[in-house]
Amino acid sequence: MDIRVITEPCIGVKDASCVAICPVDAIHPTAGEAGFDAAAQLFIDPDTCIGCGLCDDECPVRAIYPADEVPAKWRHYIQLNAEHFGK
């Protein structure tokens, strides 16, 4: 399985459905975390994500993709997700 990446459709939405379904707590910032209000979008920690895909269908704006299926126009979100976690 492939790690997931949150892309542009999440910007300004930050629906937490994906957070609630993630079995390994890989999606941040959550509503209770510092930085949630300032963050433009949610991010998936590539070191924590197990690639289960549960978050894919939970996202109401279809912003989550397996890393190897991210549309070309949003490929830079792979690095943005990693950078959010200092990677």
C-alpha atoms as a PDB file:
ATOM      1  CA  MET A   1       0.000   0.000   0.000  1.00  0.00           C
ATOM      2  CA  ASP A   2       1.064   3.549  -0.697  1.00  0.00           C
ATOM      3  CA  ILE A   3       1.157   6.464   1.694  1.00  0.00           C
ATOM      4  CA  ARG A   4      -1.523   9.079   1.209  1.00  0.00           C
ATOM      5  CA  VAL A   5      -1.087  12.762   0.360  1.00  0.00           C
ATOM      6  CA  ILE A   6      -3.532  15.608   0.952  1.00  0.00           C
ATOM      7  CA  THR A   7      -3.695  17.992  -1.995  1.00  0.00           C
ATOM      8  CA  GLU A   8      -5.093  21.386  -2.996  1.00  0.00           C
ATOM      9  CA  PRO A   9      -8.845  20.740  -2.591  1.00  0.00           C
ATOM     10  CA  CYS A  10      -8.293  20.629   1.195  1.00  0.00           C
ATOM     11  CA  ILE A  11      -7.103  24.239   1.305  1.00  0.00           C
ATOM     12  CA  GLY A  12      -9.566  26.298   3.268  1.00  0.00           C
ATOM     13  CA  VAL A  13     -11.792  23.280   3.967  1.00  0.00           C
ATOM     14  CA  LYS A  14      -9.948  21.233   6.600  1.00  0.00           C
ATOM     15  CA  ASP A  15     -12.847  18.831   7.060  1.00  0.00           C
ATOM     16  CA  ALA A  16     -11.806  16.471   9.848  1.00  0.00           C
ATOM     17  CA  SER A  17     -13.577  13.351   8.582  1.00  0.00           C
ATOM     18  CA  CYS A  18     -10.220  11.944   7.532  1.00  0.00           C
ATOM     19  CA  VAL A  19      -8.744  12.621  10.969  1.00  0.00           C
ATOM     20  CA  ALA A  20     -11.533  10.707  12.683  1.00  0.00           C
ATOM     21  CA  ILE A  21     -11.128   7.606  10.503  1.00  0.00           C
ATOM     22  CA  CYS A  22      -7.315   7.391  10.468  1.00  0.00           C
ATOM     23  CA  PRO A  23      -6.325   4.347  12.563  1.00  0.00           C
ATOM     24  CA  VAL A  24      -2.751   5.576  13.173  1.00  0.00           C
ATOM     25  CA  ASP A  25      -3.282   9.297  13.852  1.00  0.00           C
ATOM     26  CA  ALA A  26      -1.281  10.352  10.789  1.00  0.00           C
ATOM     27  CA  ILE A  27      -3.325  13.435   9.830  1.00  0.00           C
ATOM     28  CA  HIS A  28      -2.529  16.803  11.413  1.00  0.00           C
ATOM     29  CA  PRO A  29      -3.058  19.419  12.621  1.00  0.00           C
ATOM     30  CA  THR A  30      -6.242  18.374  14.338  1.00  0.00           C
ATOM     31  CA  ALA A  31      -8.789  20.870  15.643  1.00  0.00           C
ATOM     32  CA  GLY A  32      -7.316  20.618  19.146  1.00  0.00           C
ATOM     33  CA  GLU A  33      -3.688  21.120  18.124  1.00  0.00           C
ATOM     34  CA  ALA A  34      -1.691  24.314  18.047  1.00  0.00           C
ATOM     35  CA  GLY A  35      -1.478  25.629  14.513  1.00  0.00           C
ATOM     36  CA  PHE A  36      -4.835  24.286  13.345  1.00  0.00           C
ATOM     37  CA  ASP A  37      -6.354  27.730  12.764  1.00  0.00           C
ATOM     38  CA  ALA A  38      -3.269  28.993  10.940  1.00  0.00           C
ATOM     39  CA  ALA A  39      -2.874  25.923   8.721  1.00  0.00           C
ATOM     40  CA  ALA A  40      -4.371  26.273   5.258  1.00  0.00           C
ATOM     41  CA  GLN A  41      -4.917  22.521   5.002  1.00  0.00           C
ATOM     42  CA  LEU A  42      -4.415  19.206   6.767  1.00  0.00           C
ATOM     43  CA  PHE A  43      -1.347  17.051   6.173  1.00  0.00           C
ATOM     44  CA  ILE A  44      -0.513  13.346   6.325  1.00  0.00           C
ATOM     45  CA  ASP A  45       2.716  12.293   8.038  1.00  0.00           C
ATOM     46  CA  PRO A  46       4.484  10.023   5.524  1.00  0.00           C
ATOM     47  CA  ASP A  47       6.307   8.191   8.320  1.00  0.00           C
ATOM     48  CA  THR A  48       3.101   7.389  10.195  1.00  0.00           C
ATOM     49  CA  CYS A  49       0.708   6.676   7.312  1.00  0.00           C
ATOM     50  CA  ILE A  50       0.212   2.957   6.726  1.00  0.00           C
ATOM     51  CA  GLY A  51      -1.445   3.431   3.337  1.00  0.00           C
ATOM     52  CA  CYS A  52      -4.718   1.815   4.348  1.00  0.00           C
ATOM     53  CA  GLY A  53      -6.765   4.232   2.230  1.00  0.00           C
ATOM     54  CA  LEU A  54      -9.579   4.678   4.744  1.00  0.00           C
ATOM     55  CA  CYS A  55      -9.217   8.453   4.500  1.00  0.00           C
ATOM     56  CA  ASP A  56      -9.637   8.547   0.710  1.00  0.00           C
ATOM     57  CA  ASP A  57     -13.401   8.154   0.645  1.00  0.00           C
ATOM     58  CA  GLU A  58     -13.954  10.110   3.874  1.00  0.00           C
ATOM     59  CA  CYS A  59     -12.639  13.316   2.316  1.00  0.00           C
ATOM     60  CA  PRO A  60     -15.664  15.290   1.081  1.00  0.00           C
ATOM     61  CA  VAL A  61     -13.558  17.276  -1.414  1.00  0.00           C
ATOM     62  CA  ARG A  62     -11.563  14.284  -2.707  1.00  0.00           C
ATOM     63  CA  ALA A  63      -8.209  15.817  -1.772  1.00  0.00           C
ATOM     64  CA  ILE A  64      -6.462  12.592  -0.692  1.00  0.00           C
ATOM     65  CA  TYR A  65      -4.532  10.368  -3.084  1.00  0.00           C
ATOM     66  CA  PRO A  66      -2.008   7.562  -2.897  1.00  0.00           C
ATOM     67  CA  ALA A  67       1.368   9.260  -3.445  1.00  0.00           C
ATOM     68  CA  ASP A  68       1.908   7.501  -6.759  1.00  0.00           C
ATOM     69  CA  GLU A  69      -1.505   8.653  -8.047  1.00  0.00           C
ATOM     70  CA  VAL A  70      -1.377  12.355  -7.162  1.00  0.00           C
ATOM     71  CA  PRO A  71      -2.350  14.315 -10.300  1.00  0.00           C
ATOM     72  CA  ALA A  72       0.631  15.998 -11.979  1.00  0.00           C
ATOM     73  CA  LYS A  73      -0.642  19.495 -11.171  1.00  0.00           C
ATOM     74  CA  TRP A  74      -0.572  18.648  -7.441  1.00  0.00           C
ATOM     75  CA  ARG A  75       2.618  16.535  -7.238  1.00  0.00           C
ATOM     76  CA  HIS A  76       4.334  19.255  -5.176  1.00  0.00           C
ATOM     77  CA  TYR A  77       1.907  18.425  -2.344  1.00  0.00           C
ATOM     78  CA  ILE A  78       3.872  15.235  -1.726  1.00  0.00           C
ATOM     79  CA  GLN A  79       6.808  17.362  -0.590  1.00  0.00           C
ATOM     80  CA  LEU A  80       4.560  19.886   1.207  1.00  0.00           C
ATOM     81  CA  ASN A  81       3.060  17.078   3.316  1.00  0.00           C
ATOM     82  CA  ALA A  82       6.544  15.776   4.195  1.00  0.00           C
ATOM     83  CA  GLU A  83       7.858  19.264   4.982  1.00  0.00           C
ATOM     84  CA  HIS A  84       4.998  19.926   7.360  1.00  0.00           C
ATOM     85  CA  PHE A  85       6.427  17.139   9.517  1.00  0.00           C
ATOM     86  CA  GLY A  86      10.035  18.309   9.127  1.00  0.00           C
ATOM     87  CA  LYS A  87      11.035  15.664   6.603  1.00  0.00           C
END
